[in-house]
Protein backbone atom coordinates (compact mmCIF):
# COMPACT_ATOMS: atom_id res chain seq x y z
CA MET A 1 66.49 34.98 -31.27
CA PRO A 2 64.22 35.85 -28.33
CA THR A 3 64.90 34.18 -25.00
CA MET A 4 62.35 33.10 -22.29
CA THR A 5 62.59 34.77 -18.88
CA ASP A 6 62.75 32.80 -15.61
CA GLU A 7 59.15 33.80 -14.84
CA SER A 8 57.85 32.43 -18.13
CA LEU A 9 59.78 29.21 -17.64
CA HIS A 10 58.28 28.91 -14.14
CA GLN A 11 54.77 29.46 -15.49
CA ASP A 12 55.23 26.67 -18.01
CA ALA A 13 56.10 24.29 -15.17
CA CYS A 14 53.02 25.27 -13.09
CA PRO A 15 49.71 23.38 -13.21
CA SER A 16 46.82 24.92 -15.09
CA GLU A 17 44.35 27.38 -13.53
CA ILE A 18 41.69 24.64 -13.50
CA VAL A 19 43.92 22.57 -11.20
CA CYS A 20 44.41 25.61 -8.96
CA SER A 21 40.67 26.22 -8.82
CA THR A 22 39.96 22.58 -7.99
CA TYR A 23 42.57 22.65 -5.23
CA ALA A 24 41.07 25.84 -3.79
CA ASP A 25 37.66 24.13 -3.59
CA GLY A 26 39.19 21.10 -1.85
CA GLU A 27 38.17 18.73 -4.65
CA LEU A 28 41.60 17.65 -5.90
CA ALA A 29 42.42 13.93 -5.59
CA GLY A 30 44.76 12.76 -2.82
CA SER A 31 47.99 12.11 -4.77
CA GLU A 32 47.53 15.19 -6.95
CA ALA A 33 46.71 17.31 -3.91
CA ARG A 34 49.93 16.25 -2.13
CA ALA A 35 52.04 17.00 -5.21
CA PHE A 36 50.40 20.39 -5.71
CA THR A 37 50.87 21.27 -2.02
CA ALA A 38 54.61 20.60 -2.35
CA HIS A 39 54.74 22.73 -5.51
CA LEU A 40 52.75 25.52 -3.83
CA GLU A 41 55.42 26.10 -1.18
CA ASN A 42 57.93 27.40 -3.80
CA CYS A 43 55.55 29.02 -6.33
CA PRO A 44 54.30 32.56 -5.55
CA ARG A 45 52.23 32.59 -8.77
CA CYS A 46 50.17 29.51 -7.82
CA GLN A 47 49.82 30.79 -4.25
CA GLY A 48 48.23 33.97 -5.61
CA LEU A 49 45.88 32.03 -7.89
CA VAL A 50 44.72 29.75 -5.07
CA GLN A 51 44.06 32.73 -2.76
CA ALA A 52 42.16 34.51 -5.54
CA PHE A 53 40.00 31.48 -6.22
CA ARG A 54 39.25 31.07 -2.52
CA ARG A 55 38.22 34.74 -2.19
CA GLU A 56 35.98 34.31 -5.23
CA ARG A 57 34.34 31.27 -3.66
CA ASP A 58 33.76 33.11 -0.36
CA VAL A 59 32.11 36.01 -2.22
CA LEU A 60 29.80 33.63 -4.04
CA PHE A 61 28.85 31.97 -0.76
CA GLU A 62 27.98 35.33 0.78
CA ILE A 63 25.82 36.25 -2.24
CA VAL A 64 23.90 33.02 -2.13
CA GLY A 65 23.53 33.10 1.64
CA ASN A 66 23.34 29.33 1.95
CA THR A 67 26.46 27.34 1.23
CA GLU A 68 24.83 23.92 1.22
CA ALA A 69 22.01 25.04 -1.07
CA PHE A 70 24.51 26.67 -3.46
CA LEU A 71 26.61 23.53 -3.63
CA GLY A 72 23.49 21.41 -4.10
CA GLU A 73 22.43 23.46 -7.12
CA THR A 74 25.84 24.00 -8.75
CA GLN A 75 27.41 20.58 -8.28
CA PRO A 76 26.11 17.06 -8.82
CA THR A 77 25.00 15.70 -5.46
CA PRO A 78 27.38 12.88 -4.55
CA VAL A 79 25.76 9.53 -3.99
CA SER A 80 26.62 8.27 -0.56
CA VAL A 81 27.97 4.74 -0.76
CA PRO A 82 27.65 3.03 2.60
CA SER A 83 30.30 0.62 3.72
CA PRO A 84 29.75 -3.16 3.65
CA ILE A 85 29.50 -3.11 7.45
CA HIS A 86 26.35 -1.00 7.19
CA ILE A 87 24.89 -3.41 4.67
CA LEU A 88 25.55 -6.34 6.96
CA LYS A 89 23.85 -4.45 9.76
CA LEU A 90 20.82 -3.77 7.56
CA LEU A 91 20.53 -7.35 6.37
CA GLY A 92 21.13 -8.73 9.84
CA LEU A 93 18.59 -6.38 11.39
CA VAL A 94 15.90 -7.20 8.83
CA ILE A 95 16.46 -10.97 8.93
CA GLY A 96 16.74 -10.99 12.72
CA ILE A 97 13.53 -9.06 13.25
CA ALA A 98 11.82 -11.23 10.65
CA ALA A 99 12.91 -14.40 12.43
CA LEU A 100 11.72 -13.11 15.81
CA MET A 101 8.38 -12.04 14.37
CA ARG A 102 7.97 -15.36 12.62
CA LEU A 103 8.81 -17.29 15.78
CA GLY A 104 6.29 -15.27 17.78
CA ILE A 105 3.59 -15.62 15.16
CA GLY A 106 4.28 -19.31 14.77
CA TRP A 107 4.10 -19.85 18.51
CA VAL A 108 0.79 -18.04 18.86
CA MET A 109 -0.73 -19.67 15.78
CA GLY A 110 0.44 -23.06 17.00
CA LEU A 111 -1.66 -22.86 20.12
CA GLU A 112 -4.64 -25.18 19.79
CA LEU A 113 -7.72 -23.74 21.44
CA PRO A 114 -11.00 -25.53 22.11
CA TRP A 115 -13.48 -25.13 19.27
CA SER A 116 -15.94 -23.20 21.44
CA ILE A 117 -13.41 -20.46 22.29
CA GLU A 118 -11.24 -20.51 19.13
CA TRP A 119 -12.54 -17.07 18.22
CA LEU A 120 -10.43 -15.67 21.09
CA ASN A 121 -7.24 -16.22 19.06
CA PRO A 122 -6.70 -12.93 17.15
CA LEU A 123 -4.58 -14.71 14.51
CA ASN A 124 -7.41 -17.01 13.41
CA VAL A 125 -9.97 -15.90 10.86
CA SER A 126 -12.77 -15.66 13.40
CA GLY A 127 -10.54 -13.85 15.88
CA GLN A 128 -9.43 -11.32 13.29
CA LEU A 129 -12.99 -10.58 12.23
CA SER A 130 -14.25 -10.36 15.80
CA MET A 131 -11.40 -8.06 16.82
CA LEU A 132 -11.84 -5.90 13.71
CA PHE A 133 -15.54 -5.31 13.96
CA SER A 134 -15.67 -5.13 17.75
CA THR A 135 -12.92 -2.50 17.73
CA GLY A 136 -14.67 -0.56 14.97
CA ALA A 137 -17.95 -0.64 16.89
CA TYR A 138 -16.15 0.55 20.03
CA PHE A 139 -14.72 3.62 18.32
CA ILE A 140 -18.07 4.42 16.74
CA GLU A 141 -19.75 4.25 20.13
CA TYR A 142 -16.96 6.24 21.79
CA TYR A 143 -17.21 9.18 19.43
CA GLN A 144 -20.99 9.02 19.44
CA ASN A 145 -21.07 9.42 23.21
CA GLY A 146 -18.66 12.35 22.91
CA GLY A 147 -21.13 14.21 20.74
CA THR A 148 -19.10 13.91 17.53
CA THR A 149 -19.45 11.07 15.07
CA MET A 150 -16.36 9.20 13.97
CA VAL A 151 -17.07 9.94 10.34
CA THR A 152 -17.31 13.68 10.98
CA LEU A 153 -14.13 13.71 13.06
CA ILE A 154 -12.04 11.72 10.57
CA SER A 155 -13.51 13.66 7.67
CA ASP A 156 -12.52 17.01 9.20
CA VAL A 157 -8.98 15.84 9.98
CA GLY A 158 -8.64 14.03 6.66
CA LEU A 159 -9.83 16.99 4.62
CA ALA A 160 -7.50 19.34 6.51
CA VAL A 161 -4.52 17.05 5.92
CA ALA A 162 -5.48 16.59 2.27
CA PHE A 163 -5.81 20.36 1.80
CA ILE A 164 -2.34 20.95 3.30
CA MET A 165 -0.87 18.18 1.14
CA LEU A 166 -2.53 19.66 -1.93
CA LEU A 167 -1.12 23.13 -1.24
CA ALA A 168 2.38 21.74 -0.64
CA THR A 169 2.23 19.64 -3.80
CA LEU A 170 1.07 22.54 -5.92
CA TYR A 171 3.80 24.79 -4.45
CA LEU A 172 6.49 22.29 -5.38
CA LEU A 173 5.12 21.42 -8.79
CA LEU A 174 4.42 24.98 -9.90
CA ARG A 175 8.11 25.72 -9.51
CA ARG A 176 8.71 23.42 -12.47
CA PRO A 177 7.08 24.14 -15.82
CA THR A 178 7.12 20.42 -16.64
CA GLY A 179 5.38 19.55 -13.38
CA THR A 180 2.76 22.22 -14.00
CA LEU A 181 1.97 20.81 -17.43
CA VAL A 182 1.66 17.31 -16.02
CA VAL A 183 -0.71 18.44 -13.25
CA LEU A 184 -2.86 20.52 -15.59
CA GLY A 185 -2.96 17.74 -18.15
CA GLY A 186 -4.04 15.22 -15.53
CA LEU A 187 -6.78 17.52 -14.26
CA LEU A 188 -8.07 18.11 -17.78
CA LEU A 189 -8.09 14.36 -18.42
CA MET A 190 -10.03 13.74 -15.21
CA LEU A 191 -12.51 16.48 -16.06
CA GLY A 192 -12.96 15.10 -19.56
CA HIS A 193 -13.93 11.69 -18.22
CA ALA A 194 -15.76 12.88 -15.11
CA ARG A 195 -19.34 11.76 -14.65
CA PRO A 196 -22.04 14.19 -13.54
CA ALA A 197 -22.09 14.35 -9.78
CA GLU A 198 -25.09 13.04 -7.88
CA ALA A 199 -26.54 14.75 -4.85
CA ILE A 200 -25.57 13.36 -1.47
CA GLU A 201 -27.42 13.73 1.80
CA ILE A 202 -25.46 13.16 5.00
CA ARG A 203 -27.12 12.33 8.31
CA SER A 204 -25.45 11.59 11.62
CA GLY A 205 -26.38 11.29 15.26
CA GLU A 206 -27.02 8.86 18.08
CA SER A 207 -29.93 7.32 16.19
CA VAL A 208 -30.52 7.96 12.48
CA SER A 209 -33.69 6.82 10.75
CA VAL A 210 -35.58 7.14 7.50
CA ASN A 211 -39.23 6.66 8.44
CA ILE A 212 -41.91 4.82 6.54
CA GLY A 213 -43.19 6.92 3.65
CA GLU A 214 -40.12 9.18 3.61
CA ILE A 215 -38.31 9.38 0.26
CA ILE A 216 -34.70 10.49 -0.10
CA ASP A 217 -34.18 11.36 -3.73
CA ASP A 218 -30.37 11.04 -3.75
CA THR A 219 -27.54 9.08 -2.20
CA LEU A 220 -27.62 8.84 1.59
CA ILE A 221 -24.59 8.65 3.90
CA ALA A 222 -25.68 7.81 7.44
CA SER A 223 -23.58 7.38 10.56
CA GLY A 224 -24.62 6.76 14.12
CA ARG A 225 -24.95 4.17 16.82
CA VAL A 226 -28.21 2.83 15.36
CA VAL A 227 -29.29 3.43 11.76
CA THR A 228 -32.77 2.35 10.65
CA ILE A 229 -33.97 2.63 7.05
CA ASP A 230 -37.75 2.08 6.75
CA GLY A 231 -38.37 4.50 3.89
CA GLU A 232 -37.08 4.76 0.32
CA VAL A 233 -33.64 5.82 -0.95
CA THR A 234 -33.45 6.41 -4.70
CA GLY A 235 -29.63 6.49 -4.84
CA ASP A 236 -26.95 4.54 -3.04
CA LEU A 237 -26.87 3.93 0.70
CA ILE A 238 -23.61 4.18 2.68
CA VAL A 239 -23.93 3.39 6.38
CA PHE A 240 -21.48 3.46 9.31
CA ALA A 241 -23.09 2.28 12.57
CA GLN A 242 -23.00 -0.27 15.33
CA SER A 243 -26.46 -1.59 14.47
CA ILE A 244 -27.91 -1.29 10.95
CA GLU A 245 -31.50 -2.23 10.07
CA ILE A 246 -32.69 -1.82 6.47
CA ALA A 247 -36.39 -2.62 6.05
CA GLY A 248 -37.23 -0.14 3.30
CA SER A 249 -36.08 -0.03 -0.31
CA VAL A 250 -32.81 1.20 -1.85
CA HIS A 251 -32.72 1.68 -5.62
CA GLY A 252 -28.91 1.75 -5.83
CA ASP A 253 -26.15 -0.12 -4.05
CA ILE A 254 -25.79 -0.66 -0.30
CA TYR A 255 -22.41 -0.24 1.43
CA SER A 256 -22.65 -1.06 5.13
CA PHE A 257 -20.00 -0.99 7.85
CA GLY A 258 -21.14 -2.06 11.29
CA ARG A 259 -21.39 -4.76 13.89
CA THR A 260 -24.89 -6.09 13.25
CA ILE A 261 -26.38 -5.64 9.78
CA GLU A 262 -29.90 -6.80 8.93
CA VAL A 263 -31.34 -6.29 5.46
CA ASP A 264 -35.08 -7.02 5.33
CA GLY A 265 -35.79 -4.57 2.51
CA ARG A 266 -35.13 -4.59 -1.21
CA ALA A 267 -32.04 -3.31 -3.00
CA GLY A 268 -32.06 -2.60 -6.72
CA GLY A 269 -28.26 -2.75 -6.92
CA GLY A 270 -25.67 -4.81 -5.10
CA PHE A 271 -24.76 -5.19 -1.45
CA ALA A 272 -21.36 -4.94 0.23
CA GLY A 273 -21.30 -5.57 3.95
CA PHE A 274 -18.48 -5.43 6.49
CA GLY A 275 -19.70 -6.53 9.89
CA GLN A 276 -19.64 -9.11 12.63
CA PHE A 277 -23.12 -10.46 11.95
CA ILE A 278 -24.89 -9.99 8.60
CA ARG A 279 -28.36 -11.26 7.73
CA ILE A 280 -30.05 -10.89 4.35
CA GLY A 281 -33.80 -11.43 4.39
CA ASP A 282 -35.15 -9.95 1.14
CA SER A 283 -34.25 -9.25 -2.47
CA ILE A 284 -30.84 -8.02 -3.69
CA GLY A 285 -30.92 -6.98 -7.36
CA GLN A 286 -27.25 -7.70 -8.11
CA SER A 287 -24.33 -9.42 -6.36
CA VAL A 288 -23.57 -9.65 -2.64
CA TYR A 289 -20.09 -9.22 -1.14
CA GLY A 290 -19.97 -10.06 2.53
CA PHE A 291 -17.06 -9.95 4.98
CA ALA A 292 -18.26 -11.05 8.39
CA GLN A 293 -17.84 -13.46 11.23
CA SER A 294 -21.31 -14.79 10.46
CA LEU A 295 -23.30 -14.23 7.26
CA ARG A 296 -26.75 -15.74 6.76
CA SER A 297 -29.38 -15.45 4.04
CA SER A 298 -32.89 -16.41 5.13
CA PRO A 299 -35.13 -18.78 3.13
CA ASP A 300 -37.07 -15.79 1.68
CA ALA A 301 -33.92 -14.00 0.50
CA THR A 302 -33.19 -13.66 -3.22
CA ILE A 303 -29.80 -12.67 -4.63
CA GLU A 304 -29.98 -12.08 -8.37
CA GLY A 305 -26.22 -12.07 -8.95
CA ASP A 306 -23.29 -13.83 -7.30
CA LEU A 307 -22.55 -14.34 -3.63
CA PHE A 308 -18.96 -13.82 -2.50
CA ALA A 309 -18.37 -14.25 1.24
CA PHE A 310 -15.40 -14.38 3.55
CA GLY A 311 -15.96 -15.26 7.18
CA GLU A 312 -16.28 -17.80 9.94
CA ASN A 313 -19.77 -19.21 9.36
CA ILE A 314 -21.68 -18.76 6.10
CA HIS A 315 -25.26 -20.03 5.66
CA VAL A 316 -26.99 -19.82 2.27
CA GLY A 317 -30.68 -20.34 2.95
CA GLY A 318 -32.28 -18.40 0.11
CA SER A 319 -31.91 -18.26 -3.66
CA VAL A 320 -28.73 -17.19 -5.50
CA GLY A 321 -29.10 -16.43 -9.20
CA ARG A 322 -25.53 -17.23 -10.19
CA ASN A 323 -22.42 -18.54 -8.41
CA VAL A 324 -21.53 -18.88 -4.74
CA THR A 325 -17.89 -18.41 -3.73
CA VAL A 326 -17.02 -18.72 -0.05
CA PHE A 327 -13.75 -18.75 1.90
CA GLY A 328 -14.01 -19.36 5.61
CA ASN A 329 -14.51 -22.00 8.26
CA THR A 330 -17.94 -23.54 7.64
CA LEU A 331 -20.46 -23.37 4.80
CA THR A 332 -24.05 -24.51 5.03
CA ILE A 333 -26.35 -24.59 1.99
CA SER A 334 -30.08 -25.11 2.45
CA GLY A 335 -31.40 -22.96 -0.40
CA GLU A 336 -31.06 -22.83 -4.19
CA VAL A 337 -27.89 -21.95 -6.11
CA LYS A 338 -28.52 -21.84 -9.85
CA ARG A 339 -24.87 -22.23 -10.87
CA ASP A 340 -21.64 -23.42 -9.24
CA VAL A 341 -20.60 -23.49 -5.60
CA THR A 342 -16.92 -22.99 -4.69
CA PHE A 343 -15.75 -23.27 -1.11
CA GLY A 344 -12.44 -23.39 0.74
CA GLY A 345 -12.49 -24.09 4.46
CA ARG A 346 -12.90 -26.77 7.10
CA LEU A 347 -16.50 -28.02 6.92
CA ALA A 348 -19.17 -27.93 4.19
CA THR A 349 -22.78 -29.09 4.62
CA VAL A 350 -25.43 -29.43 1.90
CA GLN A 351 -28.82 -30.02 3.51
CA SER A 352 -31.80 -31.90 2.12
CA SER A 353 -33.60 -28.76 0.90
CA ALA A 354 -30.59 -27.55 -1.10
CA ALA A 355 -30.49 -27.42 -4.91
CA ILE A 356 -27.29 -26.66 -6.84
CA GLY A 357 -27.63 -26.13 -10.59
CA GLY A 358 -23.91 -26.51 -11.37
CA ASN A 359 -20.84 -28.10 -9.84
CA LEU A 360 -19.89 -28.35 -6.20
CA ASP A 361 -16.14 -27.67 -5.81
CA VAL A 362 -14.74 -27.71 -2.29
CA GLY A 363 -11.26 -27.69 -0.76
CA LEU A 364 -11.29 -29.41 2.63
CA PRO A 365 -8.85 -31.08 5.05
CA ASP A 366 -10.41 -34.49 4.30
CA GLU A 367 -13.36 -36.01 2.46
CA GLU A 368 -15.30 -36.54 5.70
CA SER A 369 -15.52 -32.75 6.07
CA LEU A 370 -18.11 -32.65 3.26
CA GLU A 371 -21.64 -33.65 4.26
CA VAL A 372 -24.18 -33.91 1.43
CA ASP A 373 -27.70 -35.08 2.32
CA SER A 374 -29.03 -37.81 0.10
CA ALA A 375 -32.14 -35.73 -0.66
CA ALA A 376 -30.10 -32.73 -1.83
CA ASN A 377 -30.02 -32.01 -5.58
CA VAL A 378 -26.60 -31.36 -7.14
CA ALA A 379 -26.97 -31.17 -10.92
CA GLY A 380 -23.27 -31.05 -11.75
CA GLU A 381 -20.21 -32.81 -10.44
CA THR A 382 -19.00 -32.89 -6.86
CA ASN A 383 -15.26 -32.30 -6.61
CA VAL A 384 -13.45 -32.54 -3.30
CA GLU A 385 -9.86 -31.32 -3.23
CA VAL A 386 -7.96 -32.83 -0.34
CA PRO A 387 -4.22 -32.32 0.22
CA GLU A 388 -2.29 -35.56 -0.22
CA PRO A 389 1.07 -36.39 1.41
CA GLY A 390 2.96 -36.88 -1.88
CA GLN A 391 1.15 -34.28 -3.92
CA ASP A 392 3.78 -31.55 -3.62
CA SER A 393 6.66 -33.83 -4.61
CA ASP A 394 4.78 -35.07 -7.67
CA GLU A 395 4.29 -31.54 -8.94
CA ASP A 396 7.75 -30.19 -8.20
CA GLY A 397 8.73 -30.19 -11.86
CA ILE A 398 5.66 -28.28 -13.00
CA LEU A 399 5.81 -25.90 -10.07
CA SER A 400 9.49 -25.21 -10.62
CA VAL A 401 8.91 -24.22 -14.24
CA TRP A 402 6.12 -21.84 -13.29
CA THR A 403 8.16 -20.50 -10.39
CA ILE A 404 11.17 -19.80 -12.59
CA ALA A 405 9.01 -18.14 -15.25
CA TRP A 406 7.21 -15.99 -12.70
CA THR A 407 10.48 -15.05 -10.99
CA ALA A 408 12.07 -14.02 -14.29
CA LEU A 409 9.01 -11.95 -15.19
CA TRP A 410 9.07 -10.20 -11.82
CA LEU A 411 12.79 -9.53 -12.10
CA VAL A 412 12.53 -7.99 -15.58
CA THR A 413 9.49 -5.91 -14.62
CA ALA A 414 11.09 -4.66 -11.41
CA PHE A 415 14.35 -3.86 -13.23
CA LEU A 416 12.64 -1.77 -15.92
CA SER A 417 10.38 -0.10 -13.35
CA GLY A 418 13.40 0.72 -11.19
CA LEU A 419 15.31 2.33 -14.06
CA LEU A 420 12.30 4.47 -14.94
CA LEU A 421 11.71 5.43 -11.30
CA LEU A 422 15.33 6.37 -10.57
CA TRP A 423 15.55 8.34 -13.80
CA ALA A 424 12.34 10.28 -13.08
CA LEU A 425 13.11 10.84 -9.37
CA PRO A 426 16.89 11.15 -8.85
CA ALA A 427 16.34 11.88 -5.16
CA LEU A 428 15.48 8.19 -4.63
CA ARG A 429 19.05 7.25 -5.52
CA ARG A 430 20.12 8.60 -2.10
CA VAL A 431 17.90 6.95 0.49
CA PRO A 432 18.94 7.37 4.17
CA LEU A 433 19.66 3.72 5.01
CA ASP A 434 23.41 3.87 5.68
CA ASN A 435 23.09 3.90 9.48
CA LEU A 436 20.89 2.42 12.18
CA ASN A 437 19.16 5.72 12.93
CA GLY A 438 18.13 6.09 9.29
CA ILE A 439 16.83 2.52 9.16
CA LEU A 440 14.72 2.94 12.30
CA THR A 441 13.40 6.30 11.16
CA SER A 442 12.48 4.85 7.77
CA ALA A 443 10.74 1.90 9.45
CA GLY A 444 8.65 4.19 11.67
CA LEU A 445 7.70 6.55 8.87
CA GLY A 446 6.98 3.63 6.55
CA PHE A 447 4.62 2.04 9.07
CA VAL A 448 2.70 5.31 9.37
CA LEU A 449 2.44 5.65 5.58
CA VAL A 450 1.36 2.04 5.11
CA THR A 451 -1.43 2.25 7.69
CA ALA A 452 -2.62 5.87 7.57
CA THR A 453 -2.68 6.51 3.82
CA PRO A 454 -5.50 4.07 2.96
CA VAL A 455 -7.59 5.45 5.83
CA LEU A 456 -7.21 8.96 4.42
CA ALA A 457 -8.10 7.70 0.93
CA VAL A 458 -11.27 6.01 2.18
CA VAL A 459 -12.36 9.06 4.16
CA LEU A 460 -11.87 11.28 1.12
CA ALA A 461 -13.60 8.80 -1.18
CA VAL A 462 -16.86 8.83 0.80
CA THR A 463 -17.21 12.57 0.25
CA LEU A 464 -18.33 13.96 -3.09
CA ILE A 465 -15.63 16.61 -3.42
CA GLY A 466 -12.85 14.30 -2.21
CA LEU A 467 -13.59 11.25 -4.36
CA PRO A 468 -10.99 12.05 -7.08
CA ALA A 469 -8.38 12.89 -4.44
CA GLY A 470 -9.12 9.66 -2.57
CA LEU A 471 -8.73 7.58 -5.73
CA VAL A 472 -5.46 9.32 -6.64
CA ILE A 473 -4.06 8.82 -3.12
CA ALA A 474 -5.04 5.13 -3.18
CA ALA A 475 -3.37 4.64 -6.58
CA VAL A 476 -0.16 6.40 -5.48
CA TRP A 477 -0.13 4.37 -2.26
CA ALA A 478 -0.46 1.06 -4.12
CA LEU A 479 2.27 2.06 -6.59
CA SER A 480 4.56 3.11 -3.75
CA LEU A 481 4.18 -0.28 -2.08
CA TYR A 482 5.36 -1.91 -5.30
CA VAL A 483 8.42 0.28 -5.89
CA SER A 484 9.54 0.44 -2.24
CA LYS A 485 11.50 -2.81 -2.47
CA ILE A 486 13.08 -1.63 -5.73
CA VAL A 487 14.49 1.43 -3.95
CA VAL A 488 15.97 -0.80 -1.22
CA ALA A 489 17.40 -3.10 -3.88
CA HIS A 490 19.19 -0.17 -5.58
CA PHE A 491 20.67 0.88 -2.23
CA LEU A 492 21.95 -2.65 -1.56
CA GLY A 493 23.43 -2.98 -5.05
CA ASN A 494 25.23 0.37 -4.72
CA ALA A 495 26.63 -0.61 -1.36
CA LEU A 496 28.00 -3.91 -2.63
CA LEU A 497 29.38 -2.87 -6.02
CA ARG A 498 30.35 0.74 -5.12
CA PRO A 499 30.18 2.23 -8.64
CA LYS A 500 32.53 5.14 -9.35
CA GLN A 501 30.01 6.98 -11.51
CA HIS A 502 26.38 7.68 -10.77
CA ASP A 503 24.67 8.16 -14.10
CA ILE A 504 21.86 6.05 -15.54
CA ARG A 505 24.23 3.61 -17.24
CA SER A 506 26.15 2.94 -14.03
CA MET A 507 22.90 2.03 -12.23
CA LEU A 508 22.20 -1.05 -14.37
CA LEU A 509 24.40 -3.60 -12.62
CA PRO A 510 23.85 -2.37 -9.02
CA LEU A 511 20.07 -2.36 -9.50
CA LEU A 512 20.08 -5.87 -10.95
CA ALA A 513 22.33 -7.19 -8.18
CA GLY A 514 20.15 -5.58 -5.51
CA LEU A 515 16.99 -7.04 -7.00
CA VAL A 516 18.54 -10.51 -6.95
CA LEU A 517 19.43 -10.05 -3.26
CA VAL A 518 15.91 -8.92 -2.42
CA LEU A 519 14.43 -11.80 -4.39
CA ILE A 520 16.56 -14.31 -2.50
CA ALA A 521 15.68 -12.73 0.87
CA VAL A 522 11.91 -12.73 0.32
CA SER A 523 12.06 -16.33 -0.96
CA LEU A 524 13.68 -17.70 2.17
CA PRO A 525 11.60 -20.36 3.89
CA TYR A 526 9.94 -19.57 7.19
CA VAL A 527 10.86 -15.85 7.30
CA GLY A 528 10.56 -14.77 3.66
CA TRP A 529 7.14 -13.18 3.91
CA VAL A 530 8.13 -11.28 7.05
CA ILE A 531 11.26 -9.96 5.31
CA ASN A 532 9.09 -8.90 2.40
CA LEU A 533 6.84 -6.91 4.74
CA LEU A 534 9.77 -5.26 6.50
CA LEU A 535 11.44 -4.29 3.22
CA VAL A 536 8.22 -2.70 2.00
CA ILE A 537 7.84 -0.68 5.21
CA ILE A 538 11.51 0.40 5.35
CA GLY A 539 11.59 1.21 1.62
CA LEU A 540 8.42 3.29 1.79
CA GLY A 541 9.75 5.29 4.75
CA ALA A 542 13.12 5.83 3.03
CA MET A 543 11.33 7.08 -0.09
CA GLY A 544 9.34 9.54 1.98
CA GLN A 545 12.48 10.88 3.69
CA ALA A 546 14.41 11.20 0.42
CA LEU A 547 11.62 13.06 -1.34
CA TYR A 548 11.07 15.34 1.64
CA ARG A 549 14.77 16.26 1.84
CA SER A 550 14.93 16.83 -1.90
CA SER A 551 11.98 19.22 -1.80
CA GLY A 552 13.54 20.99 1.19
CA ASN A 553 16.85 21.47 -0.65
CA ARG A 554 15.08 22.92 -3.69
CA ALA A 555 13.11 25.30 -1.50
CA ALA A 556 16.28 26.42 0.34
CA ALA A 557 18.16 26.91 -2.92
CA ALA A 558 15.37 29.15 -4.21
């Protein structure tokens, strides 16, 4: 009968080669590693295997040339699970900053200023509008005096940034066949639904004008300190200027951005104005959308569609073919409105010459804030909504039901969206929020992305070749704002529950727990909305860092 030698008996007592390989890579668990180390001291066979495995690993590292990139491609990237102390720091930092911001905002907003100088408060509606349009006019004038228009400057920078972003995106996506198919499919879909492009004429300078008798047979984009339109524009009119005067005719729509906007000509389409003072003196073929400190339509003005206005003082002196909807401080009606009037503000006045064909619905601090002249004609009902002291308590039951339903809907939607997002982009499972430096960096980057991205989208959208890119950037920006809190919620849930595995199934409970935490935080009284803003900014910055690092690792591994 054959007998086993001492060497064969020793081999049977040794761990397997897989255990030796794991020990050589430093990945063996603590208790197993200590036991194997004790065994290794008296086992020449295992010592030789461990040395061989280590030499093999060193050779592979030299071939690859980048140890971190090799490990990132050959092993699942471990998900860093921050300690509860880091989570307390994050929550404390966010809530503390939110409380300080809310206290500061509340203190400033609580200051009562005299009515004549209330516009000086930048946190009131009039102050915001005045600051916005005055600042915009300042920058327009500044760049005009420097010999370069603001639109040209921002367009050049924006197009250069967009071109660099496009090249980087294509470089990353073309490395993946799936990404290439998605990009090509999206481009084909956009081309299939693309409308024929219209010609665009761009004019800029200190003073831009279209003289009487001059006809521009396409869309006109004009920028300058003073823009005067006395001729005819057959397409749309887009104007950026400090002073805008439109006395001619525009067959399409009018989009105006300036400080003083006066429309004494006719527009076949609609009108959208963003300015400090807007006056409409002639015919507008469709609806009017005005955002201004003061908006006024003269008695000879005719608006065929609706009038939607947001501002400090709104005066409707002409005719409006459909509804009037106004949110602001004061509303004065002296003309004709053929349908309903809806207003929310502080003071509403209906003068004797006014005629309203529908209902008059106003939300005011008290009933005395509505002044209706006895000679005015209101065909429908007059409804005044005034807040009552016990109104909130009477509706608590109804409001609680709607609140619970809306909260449950948001939670389910965010949960499903988060699972889809983390499955499609695994890099977002490892956001850099486990230390103070990462939080501050994410906050700074997030603020830049929140504020600069829409500016880039608008600049691209006003150019013919950049319109699709501007729309895509705006859509991605809006979607990123929505999912930013979901990414933070997943980080918080991971930090609290510390799951041992990191697959899709193990993300369910941490994501749900994190979403509940975020929901509670943003629902806190007094500071909830500030926390919501901070979480969006921090989450957006963390997403940007995670995606940038992921793309850098893939490029290094290649």
